[in-house]
């Protein structure tokens, strides 16, 4: 498990942009029961999360008219109970950190896994998400 002082700034980056933290399995279950679209960002300490995923997700939610109804995040390697529960909603996708999922009424409609993030600029991640928002939100 990562130390809090390491993950706190990365968690804060997302919450300062309107993302609700999912800290427990119950938080995840409550979030997945909500009607409408939910963007779930599984945050991570890795370089691809810092360089592409977090900036791409933030760009996407601030640069489109159509947006998910709910913005949520949980941190792999820190919010362990919540991430484990969140991943149960993302099946059949394997565990991935970072990961970005768009769910509609609790079902995955669009998924960006780590291998889709690594080596790609934040702008490409944002464009991918904006297209998904246009389709599903």
N, C-alpha and C. Protein backbone atom coordinates (compact mmCIF):
# COMPACT_ATOMS: atom_id res chain seq x y z
N UNK A 1 0.85 -1.17 0.00
CA UNK A 1 0.00 0.00 0.00
C UNK A 1 0.90 1.24 0.00
N UNK A 2 0.54 2.20 -0.83
CA UNK A 2 1.32 3.43 -0.92
C UNK A 2 1.06 4.33 0.28
N UNK A 3 2.07 5.11 0.69
CA UNK A 3 1.85 6.04 1.81
C UNK A 3 0.94 7.20 1.40
N UNK A 4 0.16 7.66 2.36
CA UNK A 4 -0.81 8.72 2.09
C UNK A 4 -0.15 9.98 1.54
N UNK A 5 1.01 10.36 2.07
CA UNK A 5 1.66 11.58 1.59
C UNK A 5 2.05 11.49 0.12
N UNK A 6 2.22 10.29 -0.40
CA UNK A 6 2.53 10.11 -1.81
C UNK A 6 1.28 10.26 -2.68
N UNK A 7 0.18 9.65 -2.26
CA UNK A 7 -1.02 9.64 -3.11
C UNK A 7 -1.91 10.87 -2.92
N UNK A 8 -1.80 11.55 -1.80
CA UNK A 8 -2.70 12.68 -1.50
C UNK A 8 -2.73 13.73 -2.62
N UNK A 9 -1.59 14.18 -3.15
CA UNK A 9 -1.67 15.18 -4.21
C UNK A 9 -2.34 14.66 -5.49
N UNK A 10 -2.14 13.39 -5.79
CA UNK A 10 -2.74 12.80 -6.99
C UNK A 10 -4.25 12.61 -6.81
N UNK A 11 -4.66 12.29 -5.61
CA UNK A 11 -6.10 12.18 -5.30
C UNK A 11 -6.73 13.57 -5.36
N UNK A 12 -6.05 14.54 -4.78
CA UNK A 12 -6.54 15.91 -4.74
C UNK A 12 -6.70 16.50 -6.15
N UNK A 13 -5.80 16.12 -7.03
CA UNK A 13 -5.89 16.60 -8.42
C UNK A 13 -7.25 16.23 -9.02
N UNK A 14 -7.73 15.04 -8.73
CA UNK A 14 -9.01 14.62 -9.29
C UNK A 14 -10.19 15.24 -8.55
N UNK A 15 -10.15 15.26 -7.23
CA UNK A 15 -11.28 15.81 -6.47
C UNK A 15 -11.43 17.31 -6.71
N UNK A 16 -10.33 17.99 -6.97
CA UNK A 16 -10.42 19.43 -7.25
C UNK A 16 -11.09 19.71 -8.60
N UNK A 17 -11.24 18.67 -9.41
CA UNK A 17 -11.93 18.79 -10.70
C UNK A 17 -13.30 18.12 -10.68
N UNK A 18 -13.85 17.93 -9.49
CA UNK A 18 -15.22 17.46 -9.36
C UNK A 18 -15.42 15.96 -9.23
N UNK A 19 -14.35 15.20 -9.10
CA UNK A 19 -14.47 13.75 -8.96
C UNK A 19 -14.73 13.39 -7.51
N UNK A 20 -15.66 12.48 -7.30
CA UNK A 20 -15.98 11.98 -5.97
C UNK A 20 -15.11 10.76 -5.70
N UNK A 21 -14.46 10.75 -4.55
CA UNK A 21 -13.65 9.60 -4.18
C UNK A 21 -14.53 8.45 -3.72
N UNK A 22 -14.21 7.27 -4.20
CA UNK A 22 -14.84 6.04 -3.72
C UNK A 22 -13.80 5.36 -2.83
N UNK A 23 -14.07 5.35 -1.53
CA UNK A 23 -13.08 4.90 -0.57
C UNK A 23 -13.36 3.52 0.01
N UNK A 24 -14.56 3.00 -0.22
CA UNK A 24 -14.95 1.70 0.33
C UNK A 24 -15.77 0.93 -0.69
N UNK A 25 -15.96 -0.34 -0.43
CA UNK A 25 -16.82 -1.16 -1.30
C UNK A 25 -18.24 -0.60 -1.32
N UNK A 26 -18.72 -0.14 -0.18
CA UNK A 26 -20.07 0.43 -0.12
C UNK A 26 -20.18 1.69 -0.97
N UNK A 27 -19.13 2.52 -0.98
CA UNK A 27 -19.13 3.71 -1.84
C UNK A 27 -19.27 3.31 -3.30
N UNK A 28 -18.54 2.28 -3.70
CA UNK A 28 -18.58 1.81 -5.08
C UNK A 28 -19.97 1.29 -5.41
N UNK A 29 -20.52 0.45 -4.55
CA UNK A 29 -21.85 -0.11 -4.80
C UNK A 29 -22.89 0.99 -4.91
N UNK A 30 -22.83 1.98 -4.02
CA UNK A 30 -23.78 3.09 -4.08
C UNK A 30 -23.63 3.87 -5.38
N UNK A 31 -22.39 4.07 -5.81
CA UNK A 31 -22.14 4.79 -7.05
C UNK A 31 -22.68 4.03 -8.26
N UNK A 32 -22.50 2.73 -8.27
CA UNK A 32 -22.93 1.93 -9.42
C UNK A 32 -24.45 1.77 -9.48
N UNK A 33 -25.15 2.06 -8.40
CA UNK A 33 -26.61 2.00 -8.39
C UNK A 33 -27.25 3.26 -8.98
N UNK A 34 -26.45 4.29 -9.15
CA UNK A 34 -26.99 5.55 -9.67
C UNK A 34 -27.40 5.40 -11.14
N UNK A 35 -28.48 6.02 -11.48
CA UNK A 35 -28.94 6.01 -12.87
C UNK A 35 -28.08 6.98 -13.68
N UNK A 36 -27.96 6.73 -14.96
CA UNK A 36 -27.22 7.61 -15.85
C UNK A 36 -25.82 7.10 -16.09
N UNK A 37 -24.95 8.01 -16.49
CA UNK A 37 -23.59 7.65 -16.84
C UNK A 37 -22.63 8.02 -15.72
N UNK A 38 -21.66 7.14 -15.50
CA UNK A 38 -20.65 7.33 -14.47
C UNK A 38 -19.28 7.12 -15.09
N UNK A 39 -18.41 8.09 -14.91
CA UNK A 39 -17.01 7.92 -15.30
C UNK A 39 -16.26 7.47 -14.07
N UNK A 40 -15.61 6.33 -14.16
CA UNK A 40 -14.82 5.77 -13.07
C UNK A 40 -13.36 5.79 -13.49
N UNK A 41 -12.55 6.52 -12.74
CA UNK A 41 -11.12 6.59 -13.01
C UNK A 41 -10.38 5.88 -11.89
N UNK A 42 -9.71 4.78 -12.24
CA UNK A 42 -8.84 4.08 -11.29
C UNK A 42 -7.48 4.76 -11.41
N UNK A 43 -7.17 5.56 -10.43
CA UNK A 43 -5.95 6.37 -10.39
C UNK A 43 -4.76 5.50 -10.01
N UNK A 44 -3.56 5.99 -10.30
CA UNK A 44 -2.35 5.22 -10.05
C UNK A 44 -1.16 6.15 -9.88
N UNK A 45 -0.08 5.64 -9.28
CA UNK A 45 1.13 6.43 -9.12
C UNK A 45 2.05 6.36 -10.34
N UNK A 46 1.74 5.53 -11.31
CA UNK A 46 2.64 5.32 -12.44
C UNK A 46 2.76 6.56 -13.32
N UNK A 47 3.81 6.58 -14.11
CA UNK A 47 4.06 7.71 -15.00
C UNK A 47 2.99 7.91 -16.05
N UNK A 48 2.39 6.81 -16.55
CA UNK A 48 1.35 6.98 -17.57
C UNK A 48 0.09 7.59 -16.97
N UNK A 49 -0.11 7.39 -15.70
CA UNK A 49 -1.24 8.03 -15.04
C UNK A 49 -0.98 9.53 -14.92
N UNK A 50 0.23 9.90 -14.50
CA UNK A 50 0.57 11.31 -14.33
C UNK A 50 0.67 12.04 -15.66
N UNK A 51 1.25 11.38 -16.66
CA UNK A 51 1.50 12.05 -17.93
C UNK A 51 0.35 12.04 -18.90
N UNK A 52 -0.52 11.02 -18.83
CA UNK A 52 -1.59 10.88 -19.82
C UNK A 52 -2.97 10.74 -19.21
N UNK A 53 -3.13 9.81 -18.28
CA UNK A 53 -4.47 9.47 -17.79
C UNK A 53 -5.12 10.63 -17.04
N UNK A 54 -4.49 11.09 -15.96
CA UNK A 54 -5.12 12.17 -15.19
C UNK A 54 -5.34 13.42 -16.03
N UNK A 55 -4.32 13.91 -16.74
CA UNK A 55 -4.57 15.10 -17.57
C UNK A 55 -5.61 14.86 -18.66
N UNK A 56 -5.61 13.67 -19.25
CA UNK A 56 -6.58 13.36 -20.31
C UNK A 56 -8.00 13.33 -19.80
N UNK A 57 -8.20 12.71 -18.64
CA UNK A 57 -9.53 12.65 -18.04
C UNK A 57 -10.02 14.06 -17.70
N UNK A 58 -9.15 14.86 -17.11
CA UNK A 58 -9.53 16.23 -16.74
C UNK A 58 -9.86 17.05 -17.98
N UNK A 59 -9.02 16.94 -19.02
CA UNK A 59 -9.31 17.65 -20.28
C UNK A 59 -10.67 17.25 -20.83
N UNK A 60 -10.95 15.97 -20.82
CA UNK A 60 -12.20 15.48 -21.41
C UNK A 60 -13.41 16.04 -20.69
N UNK A 61 -13.42 16.03 -19.37
CA UNK A 61 -14.62 16.48 -18.65
C UNK A 61 -14.79 17.99 -18.69
N UNK A 62 -13.72 18.72 -19.02
CA UNK A 62 -13.82 20.19 -19.08
C UNK A 62 -13.96 20.71 -20.51
N UNK A 63 -13.87 19.85 -21.51
CA UNK A 63 -13.85 20.32 -22.89
C UNK A 63 -14.90 19.67 -23.77
N UNK A 64 -16.03 19.37 -23.20
CA UNK A 64 -17.12 18.81 -23.99
C UNK A 64 -18.45 19.23 -23.39
N UNK A 65 -19.45 19.31 -24.21
CA UNK A 65 -20.79 19.66 -23.73
C UNK A 65 -21.42 18.45 -23.06
N UNK A 66 -21.32 17.31 -23.70
CA UNK A 66 -21.88 16.08 -23.12
C UNK A 66 -20.88 15.50 -22.15
N UNK A 67 -21.33 15.30 -20.92
CA UNK A 67 -20.45 14.78 -19.87
C UNK A 67 -21.19 13.71 -19.09
N UNK A 68 -20.43 12.84 -18.43
CA UNK A 68 -21.07 11.85 -17.56
C UNK A 68 -21.85 12.54 -16.43
N UNK A 69 -22.89 11.88 -15.98
CA UNK A 69 -23.68 12.42 -14.87
C UNK A 69 -22.89 12.40 -13.56
N UNK A 70 -21.99 11.42 -13.43
CA UNK A 70 -21.25 11.23 -12.18
C UNK A 70 -19.78 11.02 -12.51
N UNK A 71 -18.91 11.69 -11.76
CA UNK A 71 -17.46 11.55 -11.90
C UNK A 71 -16.93 10.92 -10.63
N UNK A 72 -16.27 9.76 -10.76
CA UNK A 72 -15.79 9.04 -9.59
C UNK A 72 -14.35 8.60 -9.77
N UNK A 73 -13.67 8.41 -8.67
CA UNK A 73 -12.28 7.95 -8.72
C UNK A 73 -11.95 7.14 -7.48
N UNK A 74 -11.02 6.23 -7.67
CA UNK A 74 -10.48 5.43 -6.58
C UNK A 74 -9.02 5.18 -6.90
N UNK A 75 -8.20 4.96 -5.89
CA UNK A 75 -6.75 4.90 -6.09
C UNK A 75 -6.22 3.49 -5.87
N UNK A 76 -5.69 2.90 -6.94
CA UNK A 76 -5.09 1.57 -6.85
C UNK A 76 -3.87 1.62 -5.93
N UNK A 77 -3.76 0.61 -5.08
CA UNK A 77 -2.64 0.54 -4.16
C UNK A 77 -2.84 1.37 -2.91
N UNK A 78 -4.01 1.99 -2.79
CA UNK A 78 -4.31 2.77 -1.59
C UNK A 78 -5.73 2.51 -1.11
N UNK A 79 -6.72 2.74 -1.97
CA UNK A 79 -8.13 2.48 -1.66
C UNK A 79 -8.43 1.03 -2.06
N UNK A 80 -7.76 0.10 -1.42
CA UNK A 80 -7.76 -1.29 -1.88
C UNK A 80 -9.15 -1.91 -1.92
N UNK A 81 -9.94 -1.74 -0.87
CA UNK A 81 -11.29 -2.32 -0.82
C UNK A 81 -12.16 -1.76 -1.95
N UNK A 82 -12.08 -0.46 -2.14
CA UNK A 82 -12.90 0.19 -3.18
C UNK A 82 -12.47 -0.25 -4.57
N UNK A 83 -11.17 -0.30 -4.81
CA UNK A 83 -10.68 -0.70 -6.14
C UNK A 83 -11.07 -2.14 -6.44
N UNK A 84 -10.94 -3.01 -5.45
CA UNK A 84 -11.34 -4.41 -5.66
C UNK A 84 -12.82 -4.49 -6.04
N UNK A 85 -13.66 -3.75 -5.35
CA UNK A 85 -15.09 -3.76 -5.65
C UNK A 85 -15.36 -3.13 -7.03
N UNK A 86 -14.68 -2.03 -7.32
CA UNK A 86 -14.87 -1.37 -8.62
C UNK A 86 -14.52 -2.32 -9.76
N UNK A 87 -13.44 -3.05 -9.59
CA UNK A 87 -13.01 -3.98 -10.65
C UNK A 87 -14.04 -5.08 -10.88
N UNK A 88 -14.83 -5.41 -9.87
CA UNK A 88 -15.88 -6.42 -10.06
C UNK A 88 -16.95 -5.91 -11.03
N UNK A 89 -17.13 -4.62 -11.12
CA UNK A 89 -18.09 -4.03 -12.06
C UNK A 89 -17.51 -3.90 -13.47
N UNK A 90 -16.19 -4.03 -13.57
CA UNK A 90 -15.52 -3.84 -14.86
C UNK A 90 -15.26 -5.14 -15.60
N UNK A 91 -15.67 -6.26 -15.02
CA UNK A 91 -15.48 -7.55 -15.70
C UNK A 91 -16.23 -7.57 -17.02
N UNK A 92 -15.71 -8.16 -18.04
CA UNK A 92 -14.62 -9.12 -18.09
C UNK A 92 -13.23 -8.49 -18.27
N UNK A 93 -13.13 -7.17 -18.17
CA UNK A 93 -11.82 -6.53 -18.29
C UNK A 93 -10.94 -6.92 -17.11
N UNK A 94 -9.68 -7.26 -17.37
CA UNK A 94 -8.77 -7.62 -16.28
C UNK A 94 -8.39 -6.38 -15.48
N UNK A 95 -7.89 -6.57 -14.25
CA UNK A 95 -7.43 -5.43 -13.45
C UNK A 95 -6.41 -4.60 -14.22
N UNK A 96 -6.55 -3.31 -14.14
CA UNK A 96 -5.67 -2.39 -14.84
C UNK A 96 -5.55 -1.12 -14.02
N UNK A 97 -4.32 -0.63 -13.89
CA UNK A 97 -4.09 0.63 -13.20
C UNK A 97 -3.06 1.41 -14.00
N UNK A 98 -3.41 2.57 -14.49
CA UNK A 98 -4.71 3.20 -14.38
C UNK A 98 -5.72 2.55 -15.32
N UNK A 99 -6.96 2.93 -15.13
CA UNK A 99 -8.05 2.49 -16.00
C UNK A 99 -9.13 3.56 -15.97
N UNK A 100 -9.81 3.71 -17.09
CA UNK A 100 -10.88 4.70 -17.20
C UNK A 100 -12.09 3.99 -17.80
N UNK A 101 -13.17 3.96 -17.04
CA UNK A 101 -14.37 3.26 -17.51
C UNK A 101 -15.55 4.22 -17.53
N UNK A 102 -16.33 4.13 -18.59
CA UNK A 102 -17.60 4.84 -18.65
C UNK A 102 -18.69 3.79 -18.51
N UNK A 103 -19.53 3.97 -17.51
CA UNK A 103 -20.61 3.03 -17.24
C UNK A 103 -21.94 3.73 -17.43
N UNK A 104 -22.90 3.00 -17.92
CA UNK A 104 -24.26 3.52 -18.06
C UNK A 104 -25.16 2.59 -17.25
N UNK A 105 -25.83 3.16 -16.26
CA UNK A 105 -26.68 2.39 -15.37
C UNK A 105 -25.94 1.18 -14.80
N UNK A 106 -24.66 1.40 -14.43
CA UNK A 106 -23.86 0.37 -13.79
C UNK A 106 -23.19 -0.63 -14.70
N UNK A 107 -23.34 -0.49 -16.02
CA UNK A 107 -22.74 -1.42 -16.98
C UNK A 107 -21.69 -0.70 -17.83
N UNK A 108 -20.56 -1.35 -18.03
CA UNK A 108 -19.47 -0.75 -18.81
C UNK A 108 -19.90 -0.59 -20.27
N UNK A 109 -19.77 0.64 -20.77
CA UNK A 109 -20.04 0.89 -22.19
C UNK A 109 -18.78 1.33 -22.94
N UNK A 110 -17.75 1.73 -22.18
CA UNK A 110 -16.49 2.15 -22.80
C UNK A 110 -15.37 1.95 -21.78
N UNK A 111 -14.26 1.39 -22.23
CA UNK A 111 -13.17 1.09 -21.30
C UNK A 111 -11.84 1.47 -21.93
N UNK A 112 -11.01 2.14 -21.15
CA UNK A 112 -9.64 2.44 -21.55
C UNK A 112 -8.73 1.79 -20.50
N UNK A 113 -7.99 0.79 -20.93
CA UNK A 113 -7.09 0.07 -20.03
C UNK A 113 -5.68 0.66 -20.12
N UNK A 114 -4.84 0.24 -19.18
CA UNK A 114 -3.47 0.75 -19.12
C UNK A 114 -2.76 0.65 -20.47
N UNK A 115 -2.91 -0.48 -21.16
CA UNK A 115 -2.20 -0.63 -22.44
C UNK A 115 -2.73 0.33 -23.50
N UNK A 116 -3.91 0.92 -23.29
CA UNK A 116 -4.45 1.94 -24.19
C UNK A 116 -3.99 3.34 -23.78
N UNK A 117 -3.37 3.45 -22.61
CA UNK A 117 -2.92 4.73 -22.06
C UNK A 117 -1.42 4.91 -22.26
N UNK A 118 -0.65 3.88 -21.99
CA UNK A 118 0.81 3.96 -22.07
C UNK A 118 1.26 4.45 -23.45
N UNK A 119 2.15 5.43 -23.44
CA UNK A 119 2.72 5.93 -24.68
C UNK A 119 1.82 6.84 -25.50
N UNK A 120 0.64 7.15 -24.98
CA UNK A 120 -0.28 8.02 -25.70
C UNK A 120 -0.37 9.36 -24.97
N UNK A 121 -0.43 10.45 -25.71
CA UNK A 121 -0.53 11.76 -25.05
C UNK A 121 -1.91 11.98 -24.42
N UNK A 122 -1.94 12.86 -23.46
CA UNK A 122 -3.19 13.19 -22.76
C UNK A 122 -4.28 13.63 -23.74
N UNK A 123 -3.90 14.34 -24.78
CA UNK A 123 -4.88 14.81 -25.76
C UNK A 123 -5.58 13.64 -26.45
N UNK A 124 -4.87 12.56 -26.69
CA UNK A 124 -5.46 11.38 -27.33
C UNK A 124 -6.43 10.70 -26.38
N UNK A 125 -6.07 10.62 -25.10
CA UNK A 125 -6.96 10.04 -24.10
C UNK A 125 -8.23 10.89 -24.01
N UNK A 126 -8.06 12.21 -23.97
CA UNK A 126 -9.21 13.12 -23.89
C UNK A 126 -10.11 12.96 -25.11
N UNK A 127 -9.53 12.89 -26.30
CA UNK A 127 -10.33 12.75 -27.52
C UNK A 127 -11.12 11.44 -27.50
N UNK A 128 -10.49 10.37 -27.04
CA UNK A 128 -11.16 9.08 -26.93
C UNK A 128 -12.36 9.19 -26.00
N UNK A 129 -12.16 9.82 -24.84
CA UNK A 129 -13.25 9.96 -23.87
C UNK A 129 -14.36 10.87 -24.39
N UNK A 130 -13.99 11.96 -25.01
CA UNK A 130 -15.00 12.89 -25.54
C UNK A 130 -15.88 12.17 -26.56
N UNK A 131 -15.29 11.34 -27.40
CA UNK A 131 -16.08 10.56 -28.36
C UNK A 131 -17.04 9.63 -27.63
N UNK A 132 -16.56 8.98 -26.57
CA UNK A 132 -17.43 8.10 -25.78
C UNK A 132 -18.55 8.90 -25.11
N UNK A 133 -18.23 10.09 -24.59
CA UNK A 133 -19.27 10.93 -23.99
C UNK A 133 -20.33 11.30 -25.01
N UNK A 134 -19.90 11.64 -26.21
CA UNK A 134 -20.84 12.01 -27.27
C UNK A 134 -21.78 10.83 -27.60
N UNK A 135 -21.25 9.64 -27.53
CA UNK A 135 -22.03 8.44 -27.85
C UNK A 135 -22.98 8.03 -26.73
N UNK A 136 -22.51 8.07 -25.49
CA UNK A 136 -23.26 7.46 -24.39
C UNK A 136 -23.89 8.43 -23.38
N UNK A 137 -23.46 9.68 -23.37
CA UNK A 137 -23.97 10.61 -22.36
C UNK A 137 -25.11 11.47 -22.88
